[in-house]
C-alpha atoms as a PDB file:
ATOM      1  CA  MET A   1      67.363  38.462 153.380  1.00  0.00           C
ATOM      2  CA  THR A   2      67.515  42.485 154.984  1.00  0.00           C
ATOM      3  CA  LYS A   3      67.831  45.396 152.615  1.00  0.00           C
ATOM      4  CA  LEU A   4      71.751  45.929 153.942  1.00  0.00           C
ATOM      5  CA  ASP A   5      72.706  42.060 152.910  1.00  0.00           C
ATOM      6  CA  LYS A   6      71.306  42.993 148.592  1.00  0.00           C
ATOM      7  CA  ILE A   7      73.238  46.205 149.263  1.00  0.00           C
ATOM      8  CA  VAL A   8      76.163  44.614 150.096  1.00  0.00           C
ATOM      9  CA  LEU A   9      76.226  41.605 147.658  1.00  0.00           C
ATOM     10  CA  THR A  10      75.278  44.317 145.024  1.00  0.00           C
ATOM     11  CA  ILE A  11      78.395  46.070 145.912  1.00  0.00           C
ATOM     12  CA  LEU A  12      80.351  42.883 145.640  1.00  0.00           C
ATOM     13  CA  ALA A  13      78.987  42.137 142.374  1.00  0.00           C
ATOM     14  CA  ILE A  14      79.330  45.092 140.519  1.00  0.00           C
ATOM     15  CA  GLU A  15      83.520  45.757 141.959  1.00  0.00           C
ATOM     16  CA  HIS A  16      83.904  41.505 140.966  1.00  0.00           C
ATOM     17  CA  LEU A  17      83.098  41.073 137.958  1.00  0.00           C
ATOM     18  CA  GLY A  18      84.145  44.459 136.841  1.00  0.00           C
ATOM     19  CA  PHE A  19      87.738  43.786 137.470  1.00  0.00           C
ATOM     20  CA  GLY A  20      87.144  40.103 136.302  1.00  0.00           C
ATOM     21  CA  ILE A  21      86.026  41.388 133.152  1.00  0.00           C
ATOM     22  CA  TYR A  22      87.992  43.084 132.180  1.00  0.00           C
ATOM     23  CA  GLY A  23      90.718  41.526 133.348  1.00  0.00           C
ATOM     24  CA  LEU A  24      89.288  38.737 130.992  1.00  0.00           C
ATOM     25  CA  TYR A  25      89.188  41.191 127.847  1.00  0.00           C
ATOM     26  CA  ALA A  26      92.214  42.562 128.372  1.00  0.00           C
ATOM     27  CA  PRO A  27      94.955  41.383 130.840  1.00  0.00           C
ATOM     28  CA  ASN A  28      97.760  43.436 130.128  1.00  0.00           C
ATOM     29  CA  SER A  29      95.432  46.358 130.384  1.00  0.00           C
ATOM     30  CA  ILE A  30      94.621  45.603 134.383  1.00  0.00           C
ATOM     31  CA  ALA A  31      98.164  43.593 134.729  1.00  0.00           C
ATOM     32  CA  GLY A  32      99.651  47.359 134.031  1.00  0.00           C
ATOM     33  CA  LEU A  33      97.347  48.502 137.009  1.00  0.00           C
ATOM     34  CA  VAL A  34      98.960  46.580 139.708  1.00  0.00           C
ATOM     35  CA  GLY A  35     102.642  47.204 138.529  1.00  0.00           C
ATOM     36  CA  TYR A  36     102.848  43.816 136.391  1.00  0.00           C
ATOM     37  CA  GLU A  37     104.874  42.871 133.108  1.00  0.00           C
ATOM     38  CA  LEU A  38     102.863  40.050 131.323  1.00  0.00           C
ATOM     39  CA  GLY A  39     105.935  38.482 129.204  1.00  0.00           C
ATOM     40  CA  SER A  40     104.787  34.687 128.494  1.00  0.00           C
ATOM     41  CA  GLU A  41     101.455  32.702 127.190  1.00  0.00           C
ATOM     42  CA  PHE A  42     101.642  31.549 130.702  1.00  0.00           C
ATOM     43  CA  ALA A  43     101.536  35.096 132.459  1.00  0.00           C
ATOM     44  CA  TYR A  44      98.688  35.939 130.217  1.00  0.00           C
ATOM     45  CA  SER A  45      97.132  32.326 131.632  1.00  0.00           C
ATOM     46  CA  GLU A  46      97.637  32.803 135.086  1.00  0.00           C
ATOM     47  CA  MET A  47      96.130  36.588 135.043  1.00  0.00           C
ATOM     48  CA  ARG A  48      93.362  35.281 133.173  1.00  0.00           C
ATOM     49  CA  ALA A  49      92.649  32.165 135.526  1.00  0.00           C
ATOM     50  CA  ASN A  50      92.319  34.724 138.190  1.00  0.00           C
ATOM     51  CA  TYR A  51      90.524  37.679 136.815  1.00  0.00           C
ATOM     52  CA  GLY A  52      88.119  34.616 135.175  1.00  0.00           C
ATOM     53  CA  MET A  53      87.811  33.446 139.654  1.00  0.00           C
ATOM     54  CA  PHE A  54      86.745  37.499 140.252  1.00  0.00           C
ATOM     55  CA  THR A  55      83.728  36.818 137.060  1.00  0.00           C
ATOM     56  CA  ALA A  56      82.585  33.787 139.081  1.00  0.00           C
ATOM     57  CA  LEU A  57      82.723  35.364 142.176  1.00  0.00           C
ATOM     58  CA  GLY A  58      80.740  38.435 140.801  1.00  0.00           C
ATOM     59  CA  CYS A  59      78.347  35.658 139.146  1.00  0.00           C
ATOM     60  CA  MET A  60      77.703  33.921 142.560  1.00  0.00           C
ATOM     61  CA  ALA A  61      76.979  37.177 144.841  1.00  0.00           C
ATOM     62  CA  LEU A  62      74.751  38.482 141.894  1.00  0.00           C
ATOM     63  CA  LEU A  63      72.650  35.103 141.746  1.00  0.00           C
ATOM     64  CA  SER A  64      73.021  34.979 145.941  1.00  0.00           C
ATOM     65  CA  ILE A  65      70.699  37.732 145.332  1.00  0.00           C
ATOM     66  CA  PHE A  66      67.782  36.395 143.589  1.00  0.00           C
ATOM     67  CA  ILE A  67      69.131  32.861 144.923  1.00  0.00           C
ATOM     68  CA  HIS A  68      68.471  32.728 148.825  1.00  0.00           C
ATOM     69  CA  SER A  69      69.551  29.867 149.392  1.00  0.00           C
ATOM     70  CA  MET A  70      73.276  30.783 148.399  1.00  0.00           C
ATOM     71  CA  ALA A  71      73.868  33.712 150.340  1.00  0.00           C
ATOM     72  CA  ILE A  72      76.888  32.781 152.950  1.00  0.00           C
ATOM     73  CA  LEU A  73      76.243  36.647 154.681  1.00  0.00           C
ATOM     74  CA  LYS A  74      73.449  34.777 156.124  1.00  0.00           C
ATOM     75  CA  VAL A  75      75.472  32.108 157.900  1.00  0.00           C
ATOM     76  CA  LEU A  76      78.318  34.745 158.480  1.00  0.00           C
ATOM     77  CA  GLY A  77      76.012  36.478 160.288  1.00  0.00           C
ATOM     78  CA  GLU A  78      74.516  33.953 162.414  1.00  0.00           C
ATOM     79  CA  SER A  79      77.563  32.437 163.590  1.00  0.00           C
ATOM     80  CA  PHE A  80      78.899  35.284 165.143  1.00  0.00           C
ATOM     81  CA  LYS A  81      75.303  36.040 167.666  1.00  0.00           C
ATOM     82  CA  PRO A  82      76.249  35.343 171.410  1.00  0.00           C
END
């Protein structure tokens, strides 16, 4: 894994974990950022489900820095070689 791969994965991990945890912790605040109003329990569940997935993606990006077999960037990069 190159240094550029680690930089990209670190940026993705920080972004996804930050927004994911923020969305799980304060769904009303994150909904206000994107212009939504949560009017029912279903809306809260839907918002937490989406931001739970962002948290999972951030954890996977963070883990793939240390566990090289999880890194998909290498696979994607090699598939575009002529």
